[in-house]
Amino acid sequence: MSIKFGTDGWRAVISDTFTFENLRIVAQAIADHIQEQANGERAEVVVGFDTRFLSDRYAREVARVMAGNGVVAHLTRADAPTPAVSFAVVDKRAVAGVMITASHNPPRYNGLKLKAAFGGSASPEQARQIEALLERNQLEARGPNLMEYEQALALNLIRRFDPAWAYYQHLSGLVDLDAISSGELRVVADPMYGSGRGAFRDLLGRTRCDLCEIRGEMNPGFGGIHPEPMAHYLQALVAAIQAHHADVGLATDGDADRIGAVDALGNFVDPHHIFALALRYLVEVRGWSGVVVRSVSTTRMVDRLAQRYGLPLRETPVGFNYIADYMLREDVLIGGEESGGLSIKGHIPEGDGILMGMLLLETMAHAKAPLHELIADLQKEVGPTCYARRDVPLNRPVAKSDMVQRLQEQVPTDLAGESIAEVTARDGVKYLLADDAWLLIRPSGTEPVLRVYAEGRSPEEVQALLTYGEQVAAG
């Protein structure tokens, strides 16, 4: 058995590779790593889970392994958002966190996200260390140490808790609930059957906003959809906005660390625009400053705003852990990626769909304008810009290094009628055009697909870039 950690932990198909047996083995390696760092002191971890099939039982097994190794496991009483679990790691001064989730992946997947003591994703180096411990344990035929659940409860090695209220209290210090209340917005929340269910209802419960939640019931198969806040999966949200005459719809993914939105006209508002709107609001209204960090696949509207405000900008590979690195060592104002993982100054270095949804409501309430007008104004200021992504299924694994080498050797003289200004290989291969449009081709770190991203000045330019990207990717 070979278990490798990807962009954010380990994910695999349920009952294929992601089994109770394999999970216990991984949990033992994590427990070994924790014990090595604890220097003989009793360590504590936070264990949470989402609404996915068997997630609660998987989390319980992780807690049993931790207890069997003398590590105290704070196990959530019910499904919880990943950012709430990550914040609990900091709030409880735990050494690590384990979140059972496959995030936005299809229902047949489950996974494990490993969180560090600072509340963000564990570093690639920590992941490599755990993989090495996995290999060592297998070579020594060492199985996991397990303690019976009831015994662990009696010994106080497993402690059930609700992470919500400490997390909500923290968020209420990052967003202005009074300002949101003054907007008296009509909001539809769509947790997409994930563990963000109830979060916006709880946070907005004492405001004058009117909230309706859809797809908040327990459905471990996510209704057959990918719990990812993309336009293709949000038709139910569009219909609910029309039925309730709502001002905005907020959608979070399976574990609520990503955000997407829909305006009152039924238009999808992607994370690129949410990122740019939040940056503009934080600088122009709140007067904040700091470093702006974005992933390689994220809009250059952010670059134009950062340049306007005189703020330094950093580009990272895909994966919020790279953004978290900057948040830990620099004064970061806001950081995010195209998938909807975003965070701001004062928060843990973790993507948080719930926080960013609340900040979007604050932005709308302050502007006293509908979301589509804010988007149009943003496009006028730092656009025009269009974006699209296509996922090309892979029949066989692709070595990123081989693909990067091939694409760098086959650079065309121009794309979509524009000359190529720069080619980078920070994560996959990215072609930057003279008009600030770009094309990125990279293998996914969480699914067997090749991702092709494009941003351009018109839908036609984006289409031409995507078509070229799919053609060369297939080659």
Protein backbone atom coordinates (compact mmCIF):
# COMPACT_ATOMS: atom_id res chain seq x y z
CA MET A 1 0.00 0.00 0.00
CA SER A 2 1.33 3.44 -0.98
CA ILE A 3 -0.48 6.42 0.57
CA LYS A 4 0.66 9.86 -0.57
CA PHE A 5 -0.47 13.24 0.67
CA GLY A 6 -1.58 15.63 -2.08
CA THR A 7 -2.31 19.37 -2.18
CA ASP A 8 -4.16 19.29 1.14
CA GLY A 9 -3.89 15.90 2.83
CA TRP A 10 -4.92 12.45 1.63
CA ARG A 11 -7.98 11.67 -0.49
CA ALA A 12 -9.14 8.41 -2.04
CA VAL A 13 -12.23 6.49 -3.09
CA ILE A 14 -14.33 5.18 -0.18
CA SER A 15 -13.93 1.42 0.42
CA ASP A 16 -11.30 1.23 -2.32
CA THR A 17 -8.20 2.85 -0.85
CA PHE A 18 -9.95 4.98 1.75
CA THR A 19 -10.80 2.17 4.17
CA PHE A 20 -10.98 1.92 7.96
CA GLU A 21 -7.84 -0.20 7.96
CA ASN A 22 -5.82 2.26 5.89
CA LEU A 23 -7.16 5.21 7.86
CA ARG A 24 -6.05 3.65 11.15
CA ILE A 25 -2.58 3.12 9.68
CA VAL A 26 -2.41 6.78 8.60
CA ALA A 27 -3.71 7.90 11.99
CA GLN A 28 -0.97 5.88 13.70
CA ALA A 29 1.70 7.62 11.62
CA ILE A 30 0.17 10.99 12.57
CA ALA A 31 0.14 9.95 16.25
CA ASP A 32 3.80 8.91 15.97
CA HIS A 33 4.65 12.29 14.45
CA ILE A 34 2.76 14.11 17.21
CA GLN A 35 4.54 12.12 19.92
CA GLU A 36 7.91 12.91 18.39
CA GLN A 37 7.08 16.63 18.59
CA ALA A 38 5.59 16.45 22.10
CA ASN A 39 8.88 15.82 23.94
CA GLY A 40 7.25 13.52 26.47
CA GLU A 41 4.35 15.87 27.29
CA ARG A 42 0.73 14.83 26.77
CA ALA A 43 -0.37 16.15 23.40
CA GLU A 44 -3.87 17.15 22.33
CA VAL A 45 -5.42 17.11 18.86
CA VAL A 46 -8.74 18.24 17.41
CA VAL A 47 -10.65 15.76 15.23
CA GLY A 48 -13.59 16.87 13.08
CA PHE A 49 -15.64 15.55 10.18
CA ASP A 50 -18.01 16.64 7.43
CA THR A 51 -21.35 15.22 6.24
CA ARG A 52 -19.86 12.78 3.76
CA PHE A 53 -20.66 9.04 3.86
CA LEU A 54 -18.98 7.39 6.89
CA SER A 55 -17.12 10.58 7.89
CA ASP A 56 -18.39 10.43 11.49
CA ARG A 57 -17.25 6.81 11.87
CA TYR A 58 -13.88 7.51 10.28
CA ALA A 59 -13.33 10.42 12.68
CA ARG A 60 -14.18 8.21 15.64
CA GLU A 61 -11.53 5.70 14.52
CA VAL A 62 -8.92 8.46 14.27
CA ALA A 63 -9.82 9.52 17.83
CA ARG A 64 -9.49 5.92 19.02
CA VAL A 65 -6.00 5.67 17.53
CA MET A 66 -5.00 8.95 19.16
CA ALA A 67 -6.31 7.72 22.53
CA GLY A 68 -4.48 4.43 22.07
CA ASN A 69 -1.26 6.42 21.82
CA GLY A 70 -1.98 8.57 24.85
CA VAL A 71 -2.94 11.62 22.77
CA VAL A 72 -6.07 13.50 23.87
CA ALA A 73 -8.57 13.78 21.00
CA HIS A 74 -11.12 16.60 21.05
CA LEU A 75 -13.76 15.05 18.78
CA THR A 76 -16.58 17.22 17.42
CA ARG A 77 -20.08 16.18 18.45
CA ALA A 78 -21.43 16.58 14.92
CA ASP A 79 -20.27 17.53 11.44
CA ALA A 80 -18.48 20.88 11.39
CA PRO A 81 -16.87 23.21 8.83
CA THR A 82 -13.14 22.75 8.30
CA PRO A 83 -12.38 26.38 9.29
CA ALA A 84 -14.26 25.88 12.58
CA VAL A 85 -12.20 22.75 13.32
CA SER A 86 -9.01 24.56 12.32
CA PHE A 87 -9.85 27.48 14.60
CA ALA A 88 -10.51 25.01 17.44
CA VAL A 89 -6.91 23.77 17.08
CA VAL A 90 -5.72 27.27 17.98
CA ASP A 91 -8.47 27.90 20.53
CA LYS A 92 -7.66 24.69 22.44
CA ARG A 93 -3.89 25.08 21.99
CA ALA A 94 -3.74 21.66 20.40
CA VAL A 95 -0.65 20.48 18.54
CA ALA A 96 -2.56 19.39 15.44
CA GLY A 97 -5.95 18.84 13.88
CA VAL A 98 -7.41 16.07 11.73
CA MET A 99 -10.43 16.81 9.54
CA ILE A 100 -12.20 13.91 7.83
CA THR A 101 -13.38 15.36 4.53
CA ALA A 102 -12.81 15.16 0.81
CA SER A 103 -13.81 18.82 0.55
CA HIS A 104 -15.28 19.51 -2.91
CA ASN A 105 -14.51 16.08 -4.39
CA PRO A 106 -17.25 13.80 -5.76
CA PRO A 107 -19.34 11.77 -3.25
CA ARG A 108 -17.39 8.55 -3.82
CA TYR A 109 -14.29 10.14 -2.24
CA ASN A 110 -13.36 10.76 1.35
CA GLY A 111 -10.18 12.14 2.80
CA LEU A 112 -8.13 13.48 5.66
CA LYS A 113 -6.85 17.03 6.07
CA LEU A 114 -4.01 17.51 8.52
CA LYS A 115 -3.86 20.83 10.38
CA ALA A 116 -0.85 22.30 12.16
CA ALA A 117 -0.87 24.01 15.56
CA PHE A 118 -1.35 27.44 13.95
CA GLY A 119 -4.71 26.40 12.51
CA GLY A 120 -3.70 26.04 8.87
CA SER A 121 -2.76 23.10 6.68
CA ALA A 122 0.29 21.10 7.62
CA SER A 123 3.36 21.89 5.54
CA PRO A 124 4.55 19.64 2.69
CA GLU A 125 7.55 18.80 4.90
CA GLN A 126 5.26 17.57 7.70
CA ALA A 127 3.35 15.49 5.15
CA ARG A 128 6.62 13.92 3.95
CA GLN A 129 7.58 13.11 7.55
CA ILE A 130 4.26 11.33 8.09
CA GLU A 131 4.67 9.41 4.84
CA ALA A 132 8.12 8.29 6.07
CA LEU A 133 6.59 7.10 9.35
CA LEU A 134 3.95 5.21 7.36
CA GLU A 135 6.67 3.40 5.44
CA ARG A 136 8.60 2.66 8.62
CA ASN A 137 5.56 1.19 10.37
CA GLN A 138 4.79 -1.00 7.37
CA LEU A 139 8.36 -2.28 7.15
CA GLU A 140 8.26 -3.13 10.85
CA ALA A 141 4.76 -4.66 10.47
CA ARG A 142 3.61 -2.34 13.22
CA GLY A 143 -0.16 -1.97 13.46
CA PRO A 144 -2.14 0.91 14.97
CA ASN A 145 -2.66 1.26 18.72
CA LEU A 146 -6.42 1.32 19.33
CA MET A 147 -8.41 2.05 22.46
CA GLU A 148 -12.09 1.18 22.87
CA TYR A 149 -14.25 4.24 22.41
CA GLU A 150 -16.10 3.99 25.76
CA GLN A 151 -12.85 3.39 27.62
CA ALA A 152 -11.27 6.45 25.98
CA LEU A 153 -14.28 8.56 27.00
CA ALA A 154 -14.03 7.30 30.59
CA LEU A 155 -10.31 8.11 30.69
CA ASN A 156 -10.97 11.57 29.21
CA LEU A 157 -8.74 10.76 26.24
CA ILE A 158 -11.64 11.39 23.86
CA ARG A 159 -13.56 14.58 24.63
CA ARG A 160 -16.64 15.49 22.61
CA PHE A 161 -17.20 19.21 21.95
CA ASP A 162 -18.95 21.75 19.71
CA PRO A 163 -16.50 24.03 17.88
CA ALA A 164 -19.18 26.40 16.57
CA TRP A 165 -19.54 29.08 19.20
CA ALA A 166 -15.87 29.90 19.76
CA TYR A 167 -15.55 30.08 15.97
CA TYR A 168 -18.62 32.30 15.59
CA GLN A 169 -17.37 34.62 18.32
CA HIS A 170 -14.06 34.93 16.47
CA LEU A 171 -15.81 35.69 13.17
CA SER A 172 -17.95 38.37 14.83
CA GLY A 173 -14.69 40.22 15.54
CA LEU A 174 -13.66 40.07 11.88
CA VAL A 175 -16.90 41.23 10.28
CA ASP A 176 -19.23 44.08 11.22
CA LEU A 177 -22.53 42.42 12.12
CA ASP A 178 -24.18 45.80 12.75
CA ALA A 179 -23.27 46.93 9.25
CA ILE A 180 -24.61 43.69 7.80
CA SER A 181 -27.81 44.07 9.81
CA SER A 182 -28.32 47.59 8.50
CA GLY A 183 -28.42 46.22 4.96
CA GLU A 184 -31.52 44.13 5.75
CA LEU A 185 -30.47 41.76 2.98
CA ARG A 186 -32.47 38.80 1.77
CA VAL A 187 -30.01 35.91 1.66
CA VAL A 188 -30.20 32.31 0.45
CA ALA A 189 -27.54 30.03 1.94
CA ASP A 190 -26.62 26.88 0.06
CA PRO A 191 -24.23 24.58 1.98
CA MET A 192 -24.59 22.03 -0.85
CA TYR A 193 -25.44 19.35 1.78
CA GLY A 194 -22.02 19.97 3.36
CA SER A 195 -20.90 20.81 6.87
CA GLY A 196 -21.43 24.54 6.41
CA ARG A 197 -25.11 23.89 6.99
CA GLY A 198 -26.63 26.20 9.57
CA ALA A 199 -23.58 28.49 9.76
CA PHE A 200 -25.02 31.54 8.00
CA ARG A 201 -28.33 31.02 9.81
CA ASP A 202 -26.57 31.06 13.17
CA LEU A 203 -24.40 34.08 12.35
CA LEU A 204 -27.24 36.14 10.86
CA GLY A 205 -29.81 35.08 13.46
CA ARG A 206 -29.49 38.33 15.43
CA THR A 207 -29.40 40.63 12.41
CA ARG A 208 -32.22 42.13 10.38
CA CYS A 209 -31.28 39.99 7.39
CA ASP A 210 -33.82 37.50 6.11
CA LEU A 211 -32.22 34.11 5.51
CA CYS A 212 -33.41 30.98 3.74
CA GLU A 213 -31.24 27.85 3.64
CA ILE A 214 -31.50 25.18 0.95
CA ARG A 215 -29.79 21.79 0.73
CA GLY A 216 -29.02 21.87 4.45
CA GLU A 217 -30.39 18.45 5.35
CA MET A 218 -28.12 15.44 5.90
CA ASN A 219 -27.38 13.84 2.54
CA PRO A 220 -24.06 11.90 2.57
CA GLY A 221 -24.20 11.51 -1.22
CA PHE A 222 -24.64 15.27 -1.77
CA GLY A 223 -27.64 14.62 -3.98
CA GLY A 224 -25.33 13.14 -6.60
CA ILE A 225 -23.49 16.42 -7.28
CA HIS A 226 -19.94 17.52 -6.59
CA PRO A 227 -20.24 19.76 -3.52
CA GLU A 228 -18.23 22.51 -5.23
CA PRO A 229 -19.60 26.08 -5.51
CA MET A 230 -19.33 26.36 -9.30
CA ALA A 231 -22.10 27.60 -11.62
CA HIS A 232 -22.75 24.10 -12.97
CA TYR A 233 -23.81 22.81 -9.53
CA LEU A 234 -25.75 25.86 -8.32
CA GLN A 235 -28.96 25.75 -10.36
CA ALA A 236 -30.92 25.00 -7.19
CA LEU A 237 -29.50 28.17 -5.64
CA VAL A 238 -30.43 30.24 -8.69
CA ALA A 239 -34.01 28.94 -8.49
CA ALA A 240 -34.21 29.66 -4.75
CA ILE A 241 -33.02 33.24 -5.24
CA GLN A 242 -35.76 33.81 -7.79
CA ALA A 243 -38.40 32.16 -5.61
CA HIS A 244 -37.48 34.22 -2.53
CA HIS A 245 -36.66 37.45 -4.38
CA ALA A 246 -33.30 37.35 -2.62
CA ASP A 247 -30.47 39.85 -2.91
CA VAL A 248 -27.73 37.23 -2.93
CA GLY A 249 -27.03 33.52 -2.63
CA LEU A 250 -24.00 32.19 -0.76
CA ALA A 251 -22.72 28.69 -1.53
CA THR A 252 -20.05 26.78 0.38
CA ASP A 253 -18.40 23.51 -0.59
CA GLY A 254 -18.54 20.16 1.22
CA ASP A 255 -16.50 21.33 4.21
CA ALA A 256 -17.18 25.09 3.90
CA ASP A 257 -13.64 26.30 3.30
CA ARG A 258 -14.62 27.60 -0.17
CA ILE A 259 -17.15 30.20 -1.29
CA GLY A 260 -19.14 30.99 -4.41
CA ALA A 261 -22.07 33.38 -4.84
CA VAL A 262 -25.05 34.15 -7.07
CA ASP A 263 -26.44 37.67 -7.51
CA ALA A 264 -30.10 38.71 -7.50
CA LEU A 265 -30.27 38.30 -11.29
CA GLY A 266 -29.15 34.67 -11.10
CA ASN A 267 -25.59 35.31 -12.30
CA PHE A 268 -22.80 33.23 -10.78
CA VAL A 269 -20.20 35.34 -8.95
CA ASP A 270 -16.93 33.44 -8.95
CA PRO A 271 -14.24 33.59 -6.25
CA HIS A 272 -12.10 35.86 -8.45
CA HIS A 273 -14.67 38.65 -8.14
CA ILE A 274 -15.28 37.93 -4.46
CA PHE A 275 -11.52 38.20 -3.86
CA ALA A 276 -11.24 41.48 -5.76
CA LEU A 277 -14.34 42.98 -4.13
CA ALA A 278 -13.06 42.05 -0.66
CA LEU A 279 -9.63 43.55 -1.38
CA ARG A 280 -11.16 46.80 -2.61
CA TYR A 281 -13.49 47.01 0.39
CA LEU A 282 -10.81 46.26 2.98
CA VAL A 283 -8.50 48.93 1.56
CA GLU A 284 -10.95 51.67 0.56
CA VAL A 285 -13.51 51.33 3.36
CA ARG A 286 -11.66 49.79 6.29
CA GLY A 287 -8.34 51.42 5.44
CA TRP A 288 -6.38 48.18 5.76
CA SER A 289 -3.00 47.55 4.14
CA GLY A 290 -0.60 44.65 3.80
CA VAL A 291 0.64 42.01 1.41
CA VAL A 292 -1.77 40.52 -1.16
CA VAL A 293 -1.25 36.83 -1.91
CA ARG A 294 -2.89 34.87 -4.70
CA SER A 295 -2.36 31.47 -6.28
CA VAL A 296 -1.06 31.10 -9.82
CA SER A 297 -4.58 30.29 -11.08
CA THR A 298 -6.25 33.41 -9.67
CA THR A 299 -7.38 36.58 -11.43
CA ARG A 300 -5.02 39.41 -12.29
CA MET A 301 -7.72 41.89 -11.27
CA VAL A 302 -6.11 41.42 -7.87
CA ASP A 303 -2.73 42.46 -9.33
CA ARG A 304 -4.20 45.64 -10.78
CA LEU A 305 -5.83 46.58 -7.49
CA ALA A 306 -2.66 45.86 -5.53
CA GLN A 307 -0.68 48.03 -7.94
CA ARG A 308 -3.23 50.85 -7.57
CA TYR A 309 -2.97 50.73 -3.78
CA GLY A 310 0.81 50.32 -3.74
CA LEU A 311 0.57 46.93 -2.02
CA PRO A 312 3.11 44.13 -2.54
CA LEU A 313 1.76 41.05 -4.31
CA ARG A 314 2.92 37.43 -4.04
CA GLU A 315 2.05 34.55 -6.40
CA THR A 316 2.01 30.97 -5.10
CA PRO A 317 1.43 27.45 -6.45
CA VAL A 318 -2.12 26.09 -6.08
CA GLY A 319 -2.94 25.05 -2.52
CA PHE A 320 -3.87 27.23 0.40
CA ASN A 321 -0.91 25.94 2.42
CA TYR A 322 1.36 28.11 0.25
CA ILE A 323 -0.75 31.16 1.03
CA ALA A 324 -0.69 30.19 4.70
CA ASP A 325 3.12 30.25 4.62
CA TYR A 326 3.00 33.94 3.71
CA MET A 327 0.32 34.64 6.34
CA LEU A 328 2.62 33.18 8.98
CA ARG A 329 5.68 35.22 8.08
CA GLU A 330 4.38 38.47 6.54
CA ASP A 331 1.69 41.06 7.22
CA VAL A 332 -0.84 39.65 4.77
CA LEU A 333 -3.97 41.69 4.12
CA ILE A 334 -5.78 39.03 2.11
CA GLY A 335 -4.88 35.77 0.44
CA GLY A 336 -6.83 33.45 -1.81
CA GLU A 337 -7.14 31.12 -4.76
CA GLU A 338 -9.51 30.62 -7.67
CA SER A 339 -11.22 27.65 -6.07
CA GLY A 340 -12.76 29.91 -3.41
CA GLY A 341 -10.35 29.45 -0.52
CA LEU A 342 -9.85 32.95 0.91
CA SER A 343 -8.73 34.44 4.22
CA ILE A 344 -7.96 37.88 5.65
CA LYS A 345 -5.76 39.57 8.24
CA GLY A 346 -6.64 38.59 11.82
CA HIS A 347 -7.95 35.15 10.85
CA ILE A 348 -6.20 31.79 10.97
CA PRO A 349 -4.18 30.99 7.82
CA GLU A 350 -7.00 28.88 6.40
CA GLY A 351 -9.46 29.26 3.55
CA ASP A 352 -12.87 30.10 4.99
CA GLY A 353 -16.02 30.21 2.88
CA ILE A 354 -18.20 31.28 5.80
CA LEU A 355 -16.01 34.26 6.72
CA MET A 356 -15.81 35.41 3.11
CA GLY A 357 -19.56 35.04 2.64
CA MET A 358 -20.11 37.28 5.65
CA LEU A 359 -17.56 39.80 4.35
CA LEU A 360 -19.37 39.87 1.00
CA LEU A 361 -22.62 40.69 2.83
CA GLU A 362 -20.85 43.49 4.71
CA THR A 363 -19.50 44.85 1.40
CA MET A 364 -23.00 44.86 -0.12
CA ALA A 365 -24.60 46.41 2.96
CA HIS A 366 -22.05 49.22 3.10
CA ALA A 367 -22.36 49.99 -0.62
CA LYS A 368 -26.17 49.97 -0.45
CA ALA A 369 -26.04 48.54 -3.95
CA PRO A 370 -26.94 45.17 -5.47
CA LEU A 371 -24.15 42.72 -6.11
CA HIS A 372 -24.41 42.88 -9.90
CA GLU A 373 -23.78 46.65 -9.77
CA LEU A 374 -20.70 46.11 -7.59
CA ILE A 375 -19.42 43.56 -10.11
CA ALA A 376 -20.08 45.92 -13.03
CA ASP A 377 -18.20 48.71 -11.24
CA LEU A 378 -15.29 46.37 -10.52
CA GLN A 379 -15.16 45.33 -14.17
CA LYS A 380 -15.13 48.99 -15.20
CA GLU A 381 -12.25 49.74 -12.81
CA VAL A 382 -9.94 46.76 -13.32
CA GLY A 383 -11.47 44.82 -16.20
CA PRO A 384 -12.81 43.83 -18.55
CA THR A 385 -11.97 40.31 -17.59
CA CYS A 386 -13.52 36.87 -18.16
CA TYR A 387 -12.46 33.55 -16.66
CA ALA A 388 -13.15 29.86 -17.20
CA ARG A 389 -11.70 26.50 -16.19
CA ARG A 390 -12.01 23.09 -17.77
CA ASP A 391 -11.12 19.75 -16.21
CA VAL A 392 -9.82 17.12 -18.61
CA PRO A 393 -10.18 13.56 -17.20
CA LEU A 394 -6.98 11.53 -17.23
CA ASN A 395 -6.91 7.86 -18.20
CA ARG A 396 -3.39 7.53 -16.82
CA PRO A 397 -1.27 9.49 -14.34
CA VAL A 398 0.65 12.44 -15.71
CA ALA A 399 4.10 13.30 -14.38
CA LYS A 400 4.00 17.05 -13.79
CA SER A 401 7.71 17.43 -14.59
CA ASP A 402 7.30 15.69 -17.99
CA MET A 403 4.26 17.79 -18.86
CA VAL A 404 5.99 21.03 -17.84
CA GLN A 405 9.06 20.18 -19.92
CA ARG A 406 6.95 19.33 -22.97
CA LEU A 407 4.87 22.51 -22.78
CA GLN A 408 7.92 24.70 -22.24
CA GLU A 409 9.52 23.17 -25.33
CA GLN A 410 6.38 23.82 -27.42
CA VAL A 411 5.72 27.49 -26.62
CA PRO A 412 3.81 29.10 -29.52
CA THR A 413 4.70 32.56 -30.81
CA ASP A 414 1.23 33.85 -29.93
CA LEU A 415 -2.11 32.77 -28.48
CA ALA A 416 -5.58 34.11 -29.34
CA GLY A 417 -3.94 36.78 -31.48
CA GLU A 418 -1.73 38.10 -28.67
CA SER A 419 2.01 37.69 -28.27
CA ILE A 420 3.29 35.75 -25.27
CA ALA A 421 5.00 38.05 -22.77
CA GLU A 422 6.13 35.46 -20.22
CA VAL A 423 6.11 31.71 -19.51
CA THR A 424 6.36 30.47 -15.92
CA ALA A 425 6.42 27.01 -14.34
CA ARG A 426 5.56 27.79 -10.71
CA ASP A 427 2.80 25.15 -10.79
CA GLY A 428 2.24 23.59 -14.18
CA VAL A 429 2.88 25.94 -17.13
CA LYS A 430 1.41 29.43 -17.35
CA TYR A 431 1.48 31.59 -20.48
CA LEU A 432 1.04 35.33 -19.78
CA LEU A 433 -0.02 37.33 -22.84
CA ALA A 434 0.75 40.92 -23.79
CA ASP A 435 -2.82 42.06 -22.97
CA ASP A 436 -2.58 40.57 -19.44
CA ALA A 437 -4.62 37.50 -20.40
CA TRP A 438 -3.23 34.11 -19.35
CA LEU A 439 -3.50 30.35 -19.80
CA LEU A 440 -2.49 27.80 -17.15
CA ILE A 441 -2.22 24.02 -17.58
CA ARG A 442 -1.55 21.83 -14.52
CA PRO A 443 -2.45 18.37 -13.16
CA SER A 444 -4.82 18.45 -10.17
CA GLY A 445 -3.35 17.60 -6.80
CA THR A 446 -6.61 16.04 -5.55
CA GLU A 447 -8.31 14.38 -8.56
CA PRO A 448 -7.24 12.39 -11.67
CA VAL A 449 -7.81 15.37 -13.99
CA LEU A 450 -5.78 17.93 -15.88
CA ARG A 451 -6.93 21.46 -15.15
CA VAL A 452 -6.90 24.11 -17.87
CA TYR A 453 -7.50 27.69 -16.69
CA ALA A 454 -7.81 30.87 -18.72
CA GLU A 455 -8.49 34.55 -18.10
CA GLY A 456 -8.93 37.04 -20.93
CA ARG A 457 -10.43 40.33 -21.97
CA SER A 458 -13.42 38.72 -23.70
CA PRO A 459 -15.32 35.40 -23.73
CA GLU A 460 -13.95 34.76 -27.21
CA GLU A 461 -10.35 35.14 -26.04
CA VAL A 462 -10.96 32.81 -23.10
CA GLN A 463 -12.55 30.23 -25.40
CA ALA A 464 -9.57 30.35 -27.76
CA LEU A 465 -7.14 29.92 -24.87
CA LEU A 466 -9.07 26.98 -23.39
CA THR A 467 -9.28 25.26 -26.78
CA TYR A 468 -5.54 25.55 -27.25
CA GLY A 469 -4.94 24.37 -23.70
CA GLU A 470 -7.08 21.26 -24.14
CA GLN A 471 -5.37 20.42 -27.44
CA VAL A 472 -1.82 20.61 -26.12
CA ALA A 473 -2.78 18.92 -22.84
CA ALA A 474 -4.15 15.94 -24.76
CA GLY A 475 -0.91 15.70 -26.73
